[in-house]
Amino acid sequence: ELILRFDDTDTTVKPPMLEAYDSI
């Protein structure tokens, strides 16, 4: 199984972009 994981727990240095959750 291939697991696609969003390691999005940095809110300060590398805040995630909302549109990336759909595009990735």
PDB file of all heavy atoms in Angstrom:
ATOM      1  N   GLU A   1       0.833  -1.194   0.000  1.00  0.00           N
ATOM      2  CA  GLU A   1       0.000   0.000   0.000  1.00  0.00           C
ATOM      3  C   GLU A   1       0.874   1.253   0.000  1.00  0.00           C
ATOM      4  O   GLU A   1       1.877   1.320   0.716  1.00  0.00           O
ATOM      5  CB  GLU A   1      -0.900   0.034   1.232  1.00  0.00           C
ATOM      6  CG  GLU A   1      -2.013  -0.992   1.219  1.00  0.00           C
ATOM      7  CD  GLU A   1      -2.942  -0.807   2.406  1.00  0.00           C
ATOM      8  OE1 GLU A   1      -2.479  -1.017   3.544  1.00  0.00           O
ATOM      9  OE2 GLU A   1      -4.100  -0.433   2.202  1.00  0.00           O
ATOM     10  N   LEU A   2       0.465   2.215  -0.801  1.00  0.00           N
ATOM     11  CA  LEU A   2       1.137   3.510  -0.834  1.00  0.00           C
ATOM     12  C   LEU A   2       0.366   4.467   0.062  1.00  0.00           C
ATOM     13  O   LEU A   2      -0.834   4.658  -0.110  1.00  0.00           O
ATOM     14  CB  LEU A   2       1.179   4.056  -2.268  1.00  0.00           C
ATOM     15  CG  LEU A   2       1.782   5.456  -2.425  1.00  0.00           C
ATOM     16  CD1 LEU A   2       3.266   5.447  -2.121  1.00  0.00           C
ATOM     17  CD2 LEU A   2       1.534   5.996  -3.824  1.00  0.00           C
ATOM     18  N   ILE A   3       1.067   5.051   1.031  1.00  0.00           N
ATOM     19  CA  ILE A   3       0.440   5.991   1.954  1.00  0.00           C
ATOM     20  C   ILE A   3       0.893   7.404   1.595  1.00  0.00           C
ATOM     21  O   ILE A   3       2.085   7.703   1.573  1.00  0.00           O
ATOM     22  CB  ILE A   3       0.842   5.685   3.418  1.00  0.00           C
ATOM     23  CG1 ILE A   3       0.470   4.244   3.771  1.00  0.00           C
ATOM     24  CG2 ILE A   3       0.167   6.667   4.370  1.00  0.00           C
ATOM     25  CD1 ILE A   3       1.019   3.783   5.105  1.00  0.00           C
ATOM     26  N   LEU A   4      -0.077   8.251   1.299  1.00  0.00           N
ATOM     27  CA  LEU A   4       0.207   9.660   1.018  1.00  0.00           C
ATOM     28  C   LEU A   4      -0.065  10.437   2.296  1.00  0.00           C
ATOM     29  O   LEU A   4      -1.195  10.502   2.767  1.00  0.00           O
ATOM     30  CB  LEU A   4      -0.686  10.164  -0.117  1.00  0.00           C
ATOM     31  CG  LEU A   4      -0.540  11.639  -0.498  1.00  0.00           C
ATOM     32  CD1 LEU A   4       0.865  11.961  -0.971  1.00  0.00           C
ATOM     33  CD2 LEU A   4      -1.565  12.014  -1.564  1.00  0.00           C
ATOM     34  N   ARG A   5       0.986  10.993   2.870  1.00  0.00           N
ATOM     35  CA  ARG A   5       0.843  11.633   4.186  1.00  0.00           C
ATOM     36  C   ARG A   5       1.206  13.111   4.122  1.00  0.00           C
ATOM     37  O   ARG A   5       2.253  13.481   3.601  1.00  0.00           O
ATOM     38  CB  ARG A   5       1.727  10.927   5.215  1.00  0.00           C
ATOM     39  CG  ARG A   5       1.435  11.357   6.642  1.00  0.00           C
ATOM     40  CD  ARG A   5       2.098  10.458   7.639  1.00  0.00           C
ATOM     41  NE  ARG A   5       3.536  10.647   7.701  1.00  0.00           N
ATOM     42  CZ  ARG A   5       4.410   9.682   8.005  1.00  0.00           C
ATOM     43  NH1 ARG A   5       3.969   8.463   8.247  1.00  0.00           N
ATOM     44  NH2 ARG A   5       5.689   9.940   8.048  1.00  0.00           N
ATOM     45  N   PHE A   6       0.326  13.922   4.666  1.00  0.00           N
ATOM     46  CA  PHE A   6       0.588  15.347   4.794  1.00  0.00           C
ATOM     47  C   PHE A   6       1.181  15.600   6.176  1.00  0.00           C
ATOM     48  O   PHE A   6       0.463  15.579   7.179  1.00  0.00           O
ATOM     49  CB  PHE A   6      -0.718  16.141   4.639  1.00  0.00           C
ATOM     50  CG  PHE A   6      -1.296  16.129   3.253  1.00  0.00           C
ATOM     51  CD1 PHE A   6      -2.078  15.069   2.816  1.00  0.00           C
ATOM     52  CD2 PHE A   6      -1.070  17.182   2.383  1.00  0.00           C
ATOM     53  CE1 PHE A   6      -2.618  15.062   1.542  1.00  0.00           C
ATOM     54  CE2 PHE A   6      -1.606  17.187   1.101  1.00  0.00           C
ATOM     55  CZ  PHE A   6      -2.380  16.122   0.677  1.00  0.00           C
ATOM     56  N   ASP A   7       2.484  15.828   6.229  1.00  0.00           N
ATOM     57  CA  ASP A   7       3.145  16.155   7.495  1.00  0.00           C
ATOM     58  C   ASP A   7       3.042  17.666   7.698  1.00  0.00           C
ATOM     59  O   ASP A   7       4.026  18.395   7.552  1.00  0.00           O
ATOM     60  CB  ASP A   7       4.607  15.689   7.471  1.00  0.00           C
ATOM     61  CG  ASP A   7       4.727  14.171   7.455  1.00  0.00           C
ATOM     62  OD1 ASP A   7       3.892  13.511   8.087  1.00  0.00           O
ATOM     63  OD2 ASP A   7       5.649  13.650   6.815  1.00  0.00           O
ATOM     64  N   ASP A   8       1.855  18.114   8.046  1.00  0.00           N
ATOM     65  CA  ASP A   8       1.547  19.549   8.041  1.00  0.00           C
ATOM     66  C   ASP A   8       1.443  20.132   9.451  1.00  0.00           C
ATOM     67  O   ASP A   8       0.488  20.842   9.782  1.00  0.00           O
ATOM     68  CB  ASP A   8       0.237  19.790   7.277  1.00  0.00           C
ATOM     69  CG  ASP A   8      -0.948  19.059   7.907  1.00  0.00           C
ATOM     70  OD1 ASP A   8      -0.719  18.099   8.673  1.00  0.00           O
ATOM     71  OD2 ASP A   8      -2.099  19.453   7.641  1.00  0.00           O
ATOM     72  N   THR A   9       2.429  19.819  10.288  1.00  0.00           N
ATOM     73  CA  THR A   9       2.341  20.256  11.688  1.00  0.00           C
ATOM     74  C   THR A   9       3.243  21.447  12.015  1.00  0.00           C
ATOM     75  O   THR A   9       3.426  21.777  13.182  1.00  0.00           O
ATOM     76  CB  THR A   9       2.678  19.084  12.633  1.00  0.00           C
ATOM     77  OG1 THR A   9       3.983  18.584  12.322  1.00  0.00           O
ATOM     78  CG2 THR A   9       1.662  17.967  12.495  1.00  0.00           C
ATOM     79  N   ASP A  10       3.798  22.079  10.998  1.00  0.00           N
ATOM     80  CA  ASP A  10       4.600  23.290  11.213  1.00  0.00           C
ATOM     81  C   ASP A  10       3.751  24.490  10.801  1.00  0.00           C
ATOM     82  O   ASP A  10       3.513  24.721   9.623  1.00  0.00           O
ATOM     83  CB  ASP A  10       5.884  23.232  10.384  1.00  0.00           C
ATOM     84  CG  ASP A  10       6.821  24.405  10.665  1.00  0.00           C
ATOM     85  OD1 ASP A  10       6.369  25.422  11.237  1.00  0.00           O
ATOM     86  OD2 ASP A  10       8.001  24.312  10.296  1.00  0.00           O
ATOM     87  N   THR A  11       3.279  25.241  11.794  1.00  0.00           N
ATOM     88  CA  THR A  11       2.425  26.394  11.492  1.00  0.00           C
ATOM     89  C   THR A  11       3.208  27.697  11.442  1.00  0.00           C
ATOM     90  O   THR A  11       2.645  28.747  11.140  1.00  0.00           O
ATOM     91  CB  THR A  11       1.315  26.545  12.543  1.00  0.00           C
ATOM     92  OG1 THR A  11       1.893  26.918  13.799  1.00  0.00           O
ATOM     93  CG2 THR A  11       0.548  25.245  12.710  1.00  0.00           C
ATOM     94  N   THR A  12       4.505  27.625  11.734  1.00  0.00           N
ATOM     95  CA  THR A  12       5.306  28.848  11.858  1.00  0.00           C
ATOM     96  C   THR A  12       6.256  29.045  10.685  1.00  0.00           C
ATOM     97  O   THR A  12       6.181  30.038   9.959  1.00  0.00           O
ATOM     98  CB  THR A  12       6.104  28.836  13.167  1.00  0.00           C
ATOM     99  OG1 THR A  12       5.208  28.642  14.265  1.00  0.00           O
ATOM    100  CG2 THR A  12       6.851  30.150  13.364  1.00  0.00           C
ATOM    101  N   VAL A  13       7.163  28.092  10.486  1.00  0.00           N
ATOM    102  CA  VAL A  13       8.185  28.237   9.447  1.00  0.00           C
ATOM    103  C   VAL A  13       7.633  27.853   8.077  1.00  0.00           C
ATOM    104  O   VAL A  13       7.879  28.530   7.080  1.00  0.00           O
ATOM    105  CB  VAL A  13       9.425  27.378   9.780  1.00  0.00           C
ATOM    106  CG1 VAL A  13      10.491  27.536   8.698  1.00  0.00           C
ATOM    107  CG2 VAL A  13       9.998  27.789  11.137  1.00  0.00           C
ATOM    108  N   LYS A  14       6.888  26.749   8.029  1.00  0.00           N
ATOM    109  CA  LYS A  14       6.352  26.262   6.755  1.00  0.00           C
ATOM    110  C   LYS A  14       4.852  26.019   6.866  1.00  0.00           C
ATOM    111  O   LYS A  14       4.382  24.874   6.817  1.00  0.00           O
ATOM    112  CB  LYS A  14       7.063  24.969   6.335  1.00  0.00           C
ATOM    113  CG  LYS A  14       8.546  25.137   6.060  1.00  0.00           C
ATOM    114  CD  LYS A  14       9.168  23.824   5.627  1.00  0.00           C
ATOM    115  CE  LYS A  14      10.649  24.000   5.305  1.00  0.00           C
ATOM    116  NZ  LYS A  14      11.276  22.720   4.868  1.00  0.00           N
ATOM    117  N   PRO A  15       4.061  27.088   7.025  1.00  0.00           N
ATOM    118  CA  PRO A  15       2.606  26.898   7.115  1.00  0.00           C
ATOM    119  C   PRO A  15       2.062  26.318   5.820  1.00  0.00           C
ATOM    120  O   PRO A  15       2.444  26.739   4.728  1.00  0.00           O
ATOM    121  CB  PRO A  15       2.079  28.310   7.372  1.00  0.00           C
ATOM    122  CG  PRO A  15       3.141  29.224   6.840  1.00  0.00           C
ATOM    123  CD  PRO A  15       4.442  28.525   7.077  1.00  0.00           C
ATOM    124  N   PRO A  16       1.179  25.335   5.917  1.00  0.00           N
ATOM    125  CA  PRO A  16       0.670  24.691   4.696  1.00  0.00           C
ATOM    126  C   PRO A  16      -0.276  25.583   3.908  1.00  0.00           C
ATOM    127  O   PRO A  16      -0.922  26.478   4.453  1.00  0.00           O
ATOM    128  CB  PRO A  16      -0.061  23.455   5.233  1.00  0.00           C
ATOM    129  CG  PRO A  16      -0.411  23.799   6.637  1.00  0.00           C
ATOM    130  CD  PRO A  16       0.668  24.701   7.137  1.00  0.00           C
ATOM    131  N   MET A  17      -0.347  25.327   2.600  1.00  0.00           N
ATOM    132  CA  MET A  17      -1.260  26.032   1.706  1.00  0.00           C
ATOM    133  C   MET A  17      -2.513  25.177   1.536  1.00  0.00           C
ATOM    134  O   MET A  17      -2.423  24.001   1.183  1.00  0.00           O
ATOM    135  CB  MET A  17      -0.597  26.259   0.352  1.00  0.00           C
ATOM    136  CG  MET A  17       0.617  27.171   0.407  1.00  0.00           C
ATOM    137  SD  MET A  17       1.518  27.196  -1.170  1.00  0.00           S
ATOM    138  CE  MET A  17       0.216  27.687  -2.300  1.00  0.00           C
ATOM    139  N   LEU A  18      -3.668  25.781   1.777  1.00  0.00           N
ATOM    140  CA  LEU A  18      -4.917  25.023   1.742  1.00  0.00           C
ATOM    141  C   LEU A  18      -5.147  24.336   0.395  1.00  0.00           C
ATOM    142  O   LEU A  18      -5.626  23.202   0.338  1.00  0.00           O
ATOM    143  CB  LEU A  18      -6.094  25.944   2.071  1.00  0.00           C
ATOM    144  CG  LEU A  18      -6.349  26.206   3.556  1.00  0.00           C
ATOM    145  CD1 LEU A  18      -7.487  27.188   3.723  1.00  0.00           C
ATOM    146  CD2 LEU A  18      -6.654  24.902   4.291  1.00  0.00           C
ATOM    147  N   GLU A  19      -4.807  25.027  -0.714  1.00  0.00           N
ATOM    148  CA  GLU A  19      -5.087  24.446  -2.030  1.00  0.00           C
ATOM    149  C   GLU A  19      -4.261  23.183  -2.297  1.00  0.00           C
ATOM    150  O   GLU A  19      -4.634  22.357  -3.137  1.00  0.00           O
ATOM    151  CB  GLU A  19      -4.839  25.471  -3.133  1.00  0.00           C
ATOM    152  CG  GLU A  19      -3.451  26.069  -3.157  1.00  0.00           C
ATOM    153  CD  GLU A  19      -3.328  27.375  -2.386  1.00  0.00           C
ATOM    154  OE1 GLU A  19      -4.004  27.508  -1.342  1.00  0.00           O
ATOM    155  OE2 GLU A  19      -2.562  28.248  -2.823  1.00  0.00           O
ATOM    156  N   ALA A  20      -3.162  23.019  -1.555  1.00  0.00           N
ATOM    157  CA  ALA A  20      -2.300  21.859  -1.778  1.00  0.00           C
ATOM    158  C   ALA A  20      -2.971  20.555  -1.343  1.00  0.00           C
ATOM    159  O   ALA A  20      -2.671  19.488  -1.876  1.00  0.00           O
ATOM    160  CB  ALA A  20      -0.972  22.030  -1.041  1.00  0.00           C
ATOM    161  N   TYR A  21      -3.885  20.633  -0.361  1.00  0.00           N
ATOM    162  CA  TYR A  21      -4.568  19.418   0.085  1.00  0.00           C
ATOM    163  C   TYR A  21      -5.400  18.797  -1.034  1.00  0.00           C
ATOM    164  O   TYR A  21      -5.581  17.581  -1.067  1.00  0.00           O
ATOM    165  CB  TYR A  21      -5.470  19.734   1.278  1.00  0.00           C
ATOM    166  CG  TYR A  21      -4.728  20.099   2.542  1.00  0.00           C
ATOM    167  CD1 TYR A  21      -4.508  21.431   2.878  1.00  0.00           C
ATOM    168  CD2 TYR A  21      -4.241  19.114   3.404  1.00  0.00           C
ATOM    169  CE1 TYR A  21      -3.838  21.778   4.033  1.00  0.00           C
ATOM    170  CE2 TYR A  21      -3.566  19.450   4.567  1.00  0.00           C
ATOM    171  CZ  TYR A  21      -3.362  20.787   4.879  1.00  0.00           C
ATOM    172  OH  TYR A  21      -2.678  21.124   6.025  1.00  0.00           O
ATOM    173  N   ASP A  22      -5.912  19.637  -1.931  1.00  0.00           N
ATOM    174  CA  ASP A  22      -6.697  19.132  -3.063  1.00  0.00           C
ATOM    175  C   ASP A  22      -5.818  18.771  -4.251  1.00  0.00           C
ATOM    176  O   ASP A  22      -6.060  17.778  -4.944  1.00  0.00           O
ATOM    177  CB  ASP A  22      -7.728  20.176  -3.492  1.00  0.00           C
ATOM    178  CG  ASP A  22      -8.792  20.424  -2.432  1.00  0.00           C
ATOM    179  OD1 ASP A  22      -9.154  19.463  -1.730  1.00  0.00           O
ATOM    180  OD2 ASP A  22      -9.236  21.573  -2.298  1.00  0.00           O
ATOM    181  N   SER A  23      -4.782  19.580  -4.496  1.00  0.00           N
ATOM    182  CA  SER A  23      -3.969  19.373  -5.697  1.00  0.00           C
ATOM    183  C   SER A  23      -3.010  18.191  -5.575  1.00  0.00           C
ATOM    184  O   SER A  23      -2.756  17.486  -6.555  1.00  0.00           O
ATOM    185  CB  SER A  23      -3.176  20.646  -6.024  1.00  0.00           C
ATOM    186  OG  SER A  23      -2.209  20.929  -5.028  1.00  0.00           O
ATOM    187  N   ILE A  24      -2.471  17.959  -4.396  1.00  0.00           N
ATOM    188  CA  ILE A  24      -1.450  16.911  -4.241  1.00  0.00           C
ATOM    189  C   ILE A  24      -1.985  15.513  -4.551  1.00  0.00           C
ATOM    190  O   ILE A  24      -1.337  14.762  -5.293  1.00  0.00           O
ATOM    191  CB  ILE A  24      -0.797  16.986  -2.840  1.00  0.00           C
ATOM    192  CG1 ILE A  24       0.142  18.199  -2.784  1.00  0.00           C
ATOM    193  CG2 ILE A  24      -0.040  15.707  -2.508  1.00  0.00           C
ATOM    194  CD1 ILE A  24       0.775  18.448  -1.425  1.00  0.00           C
TER     195      ILE A  24
END
